[in-house]
Amino acid sequence: MPRVLAENRYLGANVRRLRDRADLSQAELAEQVGISVVALSRIERGTVDVYLSTVVRLAQALSVKPGRLLEAAKLPPARIGRRKLARARTSSP
């Protein structure tokens, strides 16, 4: 499972929120930024480290300053896969 840093999750949550506000699909934003839809999806999930140049292009496409994308965001709780959840339940006393 890929490591997920809080900073990556903040970036991803901000990109997704701003993309939704701009009424852009992932495909539309990815095209504007010059990355694949798969790459944008991974950015929004916070599962990849992102080059600064990509952050700058995302910010330009979303009409915000790059720092805005890196601000702390309210994050949904981390999802636990079914197997991990099942193991946690069976290993509890």
N, C-alpha and C. Protein backbone atom coordinates (compact mmCIF):
# COMPACT_ATOMS: atom_id res chain seq x y z
N MET A 1 0.85 -1.18 0.00
CA MET A 1 0.00 0.00 0.00
C MET A 1 0.89 1.24 0.00
N PRO A 2 0.59 2.24 -0.85
CA PRO A 2 1.42 3.42 -0.92
C PRO A 2 1.35 4.23 0.37
N ARG A 3 2.44 4.88 0.67
CA ARG A 3 2.46 5.73 1.86
C ARG A 3 1.70 7.00 1.54
N VAL A 4 0.96 7.48 2.51
CA VAL A 4 0.16 8.68 2.30
C VAL A 4 0.58 9.72 3.33
N LEU A 5 1.22 10.78 2.86
CA LEU A 5 1.62 11.87 3.74
C LEU A 5 0.47 12.84 3.89
N ALA A 6 0.40 13.47 5.06
CA ALA A 6 -0.66 14.45 5.31
C ALA A 6 -0.63 15.55 4.26
N GLU A 7 0.58 16.00 3.88
CA GLU A 7 0.69 17.08 2.90
C GLU A 7 0.10 16.66 1.56
N ASN A 8 0.32 15.41 1.17
CA ASN A 8 -0.24 14.92 -0.09
C ASN A 8 -1.77 14.87 0.00
N ARG A 9 -2.29 14.47 1.15
CA ARG A 9 -3.74 14.42 1.32
C ARG A 9 -4.33 15.82 1.32
N TYR A 10 -3.63 16.81 1.92
CA TYR A 10 -4.11 18.19 1.90
C TYR A 10 -4.17 18.68 0.45
N LEU A 11 -3.09 18.47 -0.29
CA LEU A 11 -3.05 18.89 -1.68
C LEU A 11 -4.20 18.25 -2.45
N GLY A 12 -4.36 16.96 -2.29
CA GLY A 12 -5.41 16.25 -3.01
C GLY A 12 -6.80 16.73 -2.68
N ALA A 13 -7.06 16.94 -1.39
CA ALA A 13 -8.39 17.41 -0.96
C ALA A 13 -8.67 18.80 -1.52
N ASN A 14 -7.66 19.66 -1.52
CA ASN A 14 -7.84 21.02 -2.04
C ASN A 14 -8.05 21.01 -3.55
N VAL A 15 -7.29 20.19 -4.27
CA VAL A 15 -7.45 20.11 -5.72
C VAL A 15 -8.86 19.63 -6.06
N ARG A 16 -9.29 18.58 -5.38
CA ARG A 16 -10.62 18.05 -5.69
C ARG A 16 -11.73 19.07 -5.39
N ARG A 17 -11.63 19.73 -4.23
CA ARG A 17 -12.66 20.71 -3.85
C ARG A 17 -12.71 21.85 -4.86
N LEU A 18 -11.53 22.37 -5.23
CA LEU A 18 -11.48 23.49 -6.17
C LEU A 18 -11.90 23.05 -7.58
N ARG A 19 -11.57 21.83 -7.96
CA ARG A 19 -12.00 21.30 -9.26
C ARG A 19 -13.52 21.20 -9.31
N ASP A 20 -14.10 20.69 -8.22
CA ASP A 20 -15.56 20.59 -8.15
C ASP A 20 -16.22 21.97 -8.21
N ARG A 21 -15.64 22.93 -7.50
CA ARG A 21 -16.19 24.30 -7.51
C ARG A 21 -16.12 24.91 -8.91
N ALA A 22 -15.05 24.58 -9.64
CA ALA A 22 -14.88 25.11 -10.99
C ALA A 22 -15.71 24.32 -12.01
N ASP A 23 -16.40 23.30 -11.52
CA ASP A 23 -17.24 22.45 -12.37
C ASP A 23 -16.43 21.82 -13.50
N LEU A 24 -15.24 21.33 -13.15
CA LEU A 24 -14.37 20.65 -14.11
C LEU A 24 -14.35 19.16 -13.82
N SER A 25 -14.33 18.37 -14.86
CA SER A 25 -14.13 16.93 -14.67
C SER A 25 -12.64 16.67 -14.48
N GLN A 26 -12.31 15.48 -14.01
CA GLN A 26 -10.89 15.14 -13.90
C GLN A 26 -10.22 15.20 -15.26
N ALA A 27 -10.91 14.74 -16.29
CA ALA A 27 -10.34 14.74 -17.64
C ALA A 27 -10.05 16.17 -18.12
N GLU A 28 -10.97 17.09 -17.84
CA GLU A 28 -10.77 18.47 -18.27
C GLU A 28 -9.59 19.12 -17.56
N LEU A 29 -9.52 18.93 -16.23
CA LEU A 29 -8.41 19.52 -15.48
C LEU A 29 -7.08 18.87 -15.88
N ALA A 30 -7.08 17.57 -16.01
CA ALA A 30 -5.85 16.87 -16.39
C ALA A 30 -5.33 17.38 -17.73
N GLU A 31 -6.22 17.59 -18.68
CA GLU A 31 -5.81 18.10 -19.99
C GLU A 31 -5.21 19.49 -19.87
N GLN A 32 -5.84 20.36 -19.08
CA GLN A 32 -5.33 21.72 -18.90
C GLN A 32 -3.94 21.73 -18.26
N VAL A 33 -3.71 20.80 -17.34
CA VAL A 33 -2.46 20.76 -16.60
C VAL A 33 -1.38 19.99 -17.37
N GLY A 34 -1.80 19.12 -18.27
CA GLY A 34 -0.84 18.34 -19.05
C GLY A 34 -0.42 17.05 -18.36
N ILE A 35 -1.34 16.46 -17.59
CA ILE A 35 -1.08 15.19 -16.93
C ILE A 35 -2.21 14.22 -17.28
N SER A 36 -2.01 12.96 -16.97
CA SER A 36 -3.05 11.97 -17.27
C SER A 36 -4.15 12.02 -16.21
N VAL A 37 -5.29 11.49 -16.55
CA VAL A 37 -6.40 11.41 -15.60
C VAL A 37 -6.00 10.51 -14.43
N VAL A 38 -5.25 9.46 -14.71
CA VAL A 38 -4.78 8.56 -13.65
C VAL A 38 -3.89 9.33 -12.67
N ALA A 39 -3.00 10.14 -13.20
CA ALA A 39 -2.11 10.94 -12.33
C ALA A 39 -2.92 11.91 -11.48
N LEU A 40 -3.92 12.57 -12.08
CA LEU A 40 -4.76 13.50 -11.32
C LEU A 40 -5.54 12.76 -10.24
N SER A 41 -6.04 11.60 -10.56
CA SER A 41 -6.77 10.81 -9.57
C SER A 41 -5.88 10.46 -8.39
N ARG A 42 -4.66 10.08 -8.68
CA ARG A 42 -3.70 9.76 -7.60
C ARG A 42 -3.36 10.99 -6.77
N ILE A 43 -3.24 12.14 -7.42
CA ILE A 43 -2.98 13.38 -6.69
C ILE A 43 -4.15 13.67 -5.76
N GLU A 44 -5.37 13.56 -6.26
CA GLU A 44 -6.55 13.85 -5.44
C GLU A 44 -6.70 12.88 -4.28
N ARG A 45 -6.24 11.65 -4.44
CA ARG A 45 -6.28 10.68 -3.33
C ARG A 45 -5.09 10.84 -2.39
N GLY A 46 -4.09 11.62 -2.80
CA GLY A 46 -2.93 11.85 -1.95
C GLY A 46 -1.96 10.69 -1.91
N THR A 47 -1.95 9.87 -2.96
CA THR A 47 -1.10 8.68 -2.94
C THR A 47 0.21 8.85 -3.69
N VAL A 48 0.48 10.05 -4.21
CA VAL A 48 1.72 10.29 -4.93
C VAL A 48 2.36 11.59 -4.45
N ASP A 49 3.68 11.64 -4.57
CA ASP A 49 4.39 12.89 -4.36
C ASP A 49 4.30 13.67 -5.68
N VAL A 50 4.13 14.98 -5.59
CA VAL A 50 3.88 15.80 -6.77
C VAL A 50 5.01 16.79 -6.97
N TYR A 51 5.48 16.89 -8.22
CA TYR A 51 6.50 17.89 -8.53
C TYR A 51 5.94 19.29 -8.32
N LEU A 52 6.80 20.20 -7.91
CA LEU A 52 6.40 21.59 -7.71
C LEU A 52 5.83 22.18 -9.00
N SER A 53 6.42 21.85 -10.12
CA SER A 53 5.93 22.38 -11.40
C SER A 53 4.48 21.94 -11.66
N THR A 54 4.12 20.74 -11.22
CA THR A 54 2.74 20.27 -11.38
C THR A 54 1.81 21.02 -10.45
N VAL A 55 2.27 21.31 -9.23
CA VAL A 55 1.46 22.09 -8.30
C VAL A 55 1.19 23.48 -8.89
N VAL A 56 2.21 24.07 -9.49
CA VAL A 56 2.06 25.40 -10.09
C VAL A 56 1.06 25.35 -11.24
N ARG A 57 1.15 24.34 -12.09
CA ARG A 57 0.21 24.22 -13.21
C ARG A 57 -1.22 23.96 -12.72
N LEU A 58 -1.36 23.14 -11.67
CA LEU A 58 -2.69 22.91 -11.08
C LEU A 58 -3.26 24.22 -10.56
N ALA A 59 -2.44 24.98 -9.86
CA ALA A 59 -2.90 26.26 -9.31
C ALA A 59 -3.33 27.21 -10.41
N GLN A 60 -2.55 27.29 -11.48
CA GLN A 60 -2.92 28.15 -12.60
C GLN A 60 -4.24 27.73 -13.21
N ALA A 61 -4.42 26.44 -13.41
CA ALA A 61 -5.65 25.93 -14.02
C ALA A 61 -6.87 26.18 -13.13
N LEU A 62 -6.64 26.19 -11.80
CA LEU A 62 -7.73 26.39 -10.85
C LEU A 62 -7.85 27.84 -10.39
N SER A 63 -7.02 28.72 -10.96
CA SER A 63 -7.04 30.17 -10.67
C SER A 63 -6.82 30.48 -9.19
N VAL A 64 -5.84 29.80 -8.60
CA VAL A 64 -5.45 30.08 -7.21
C VAL A 64 -3.93 30.15 -7.14
N LYS A 65 -3.42 30.65 -6.03
CA LYS A 65 -1.98 30.65 -5.80
C LYS A 65 -1.56 29.24 -5.38
N PRO A 66 -0.35 28.82 -5.74
CA PRO A 66 0.11 27.47 -5.37
C PRO A 66 0.01 27.18 -3.87
N GLY A 67 0.28 28.16 -3.05
CA GLY A 67 0.20 27.96 -1.61
C GLY A 67 -1.18 27.55 -1.14
N ARG A 68 -2.19 28.00 -1.85
CA ARG A 68 -3.59 27.66 -1.50
C ARG A 68 -3.82 26.16 -1.59
N LEU A 69 -3.16 25.52 -2.55
CA LEU A 69 -3.33 24.08 -2.72
C LEU A 69 -2.67 23.29 -1.59
N LEU A 70 -1.70 23.91 -0.93
CA LEU A 70 -0.95 23.20 0.10
C LEU A 70 -1.43 23.47 1.51
N GLU A 71 -2.43 24.33 1.66
CA GLU A 71 -2.96 24.65 2.98
C GLU A 71 -3.62 23.43 3.60
N ALA A 72 -3.59 23.37 4.91
CA ALA A 72 -4.26 22.28 5.61
C ALA A 72 -5.74 22.32 5.28
N ALA A 73 -6.29 21.16 5.05
CA ALA A 73 -7.71 21.04 4.70
C ALA A 73 -8.38 20.08 5.66
N LYS A 74 -9.69 20.21 5.78
CA LYS A 74 -10.43 19.21 6.54
C LYS A 74 -10.45 17.93 5.72
N LEU A 75 -9.90 16.89 6.28
CA LEU A 75 -9.78 15.64 5.55
C LEU A 75 -10.80 14.63 6.03
N PRO A 76 -11.32 13.84 5.11
CA PRO A 76 -12.17 12.74 5.55
C PRO A 76 -11.30 11.72 6.27
N PRO A 77 -11.85 10.93 7.16
CA PRO A 77 -11.04 9.93 7.84
C PRO A 77 -10.43 8.96 6.83
N ALA A 78 -9.24 8.49 7.13
CA ALA A 78 -8.58 7.52 6.25
C ALA A 78 -9.43 6.27 6.16
N ARG A 79 -9.54 5.75 4.96
CA ARG A 79 -10.36 4.55 4.77
C ARG A 79 -9.55 3.32 5.10
N ILE A 80 -10.19 2.38 5.74
CA ILE A 80 -9.55 1.12 6.08
C ILE A 80 -10.12 0.07 5.15
N GLY A 81 -9.25 -0.69 4.52
CA GLY A 81 -9.71 -1.73 3.62
C GLY A 81 -10.47 -2.81 4.38
N ARG A 82 -11.30 -3.55 3.68
CA ARG A 82 -12.12 -4.58 4.31
C ARG A 82 -11.27 -5.63 5.02
N ARG A 83 -10.17 -6.05 4.42
CA ARG A 83 -9.33 -7.06 5.05
C ARG A 83 -8.74 -6.57 6.36
N LYS A 84 -8.22 -5.33 6.34
CA LYS A 84 -7.65 -4.80 7.58
C LYS A 84 -8.70 -4.67 8.65
N LEU A 85 -9.89 -4.22 8.27
CA LEU A 85 -10.97 -4.07 9.22
C LEU A 85 -11.36 -5.44 9.79
N ALA A 86 -11.46 -6.45 8.92
CA ALA A 86 -11.81 -7.79 9.38
C ALA A 86 -10.74 -8.35 10.30
N ARG A 87 -9.48 -8.14 9.96
CA ARG A 87 -8.39 -8.60 10.83
C ARG A 87 -8.42 -7.89 12.18
N ALA A 88 -8.71 -6.59 12.16
CA ALA A 88 -8.76 -5.83 13.40
C ALA A 88 -9.88 -6.35 14.30
N ARG A 89 -10.99 -6.73 13.71
CA ARG A 89 -12.12 -7.24 14.49
C ARG A 89 -11.81 -8.62 15.08
N THR A 90 -11.12 -9.46 14.31
CA THR A 90 -10.86 -10.82 14.79
C THR A 90 -9.71 -10.86 15.78
N SER A 91 -8.81 -9.89 15.71
CA SER A 91 -7.68 -9.91 16.63
C SER A 91 -7.94 -9.18 17.94
N SER A 92 -9.07 -8.49 18.04
CA SER A 92 -9.43 -7.79 19.28
C SER A 92 -9.90 -8.79 20.33
N PRO A 93 -9.53 -8.56 21.62
CA PRO A 93 -9.95 -9.49 22.68
C PRO A 93 -11.43 -9.46 22.95
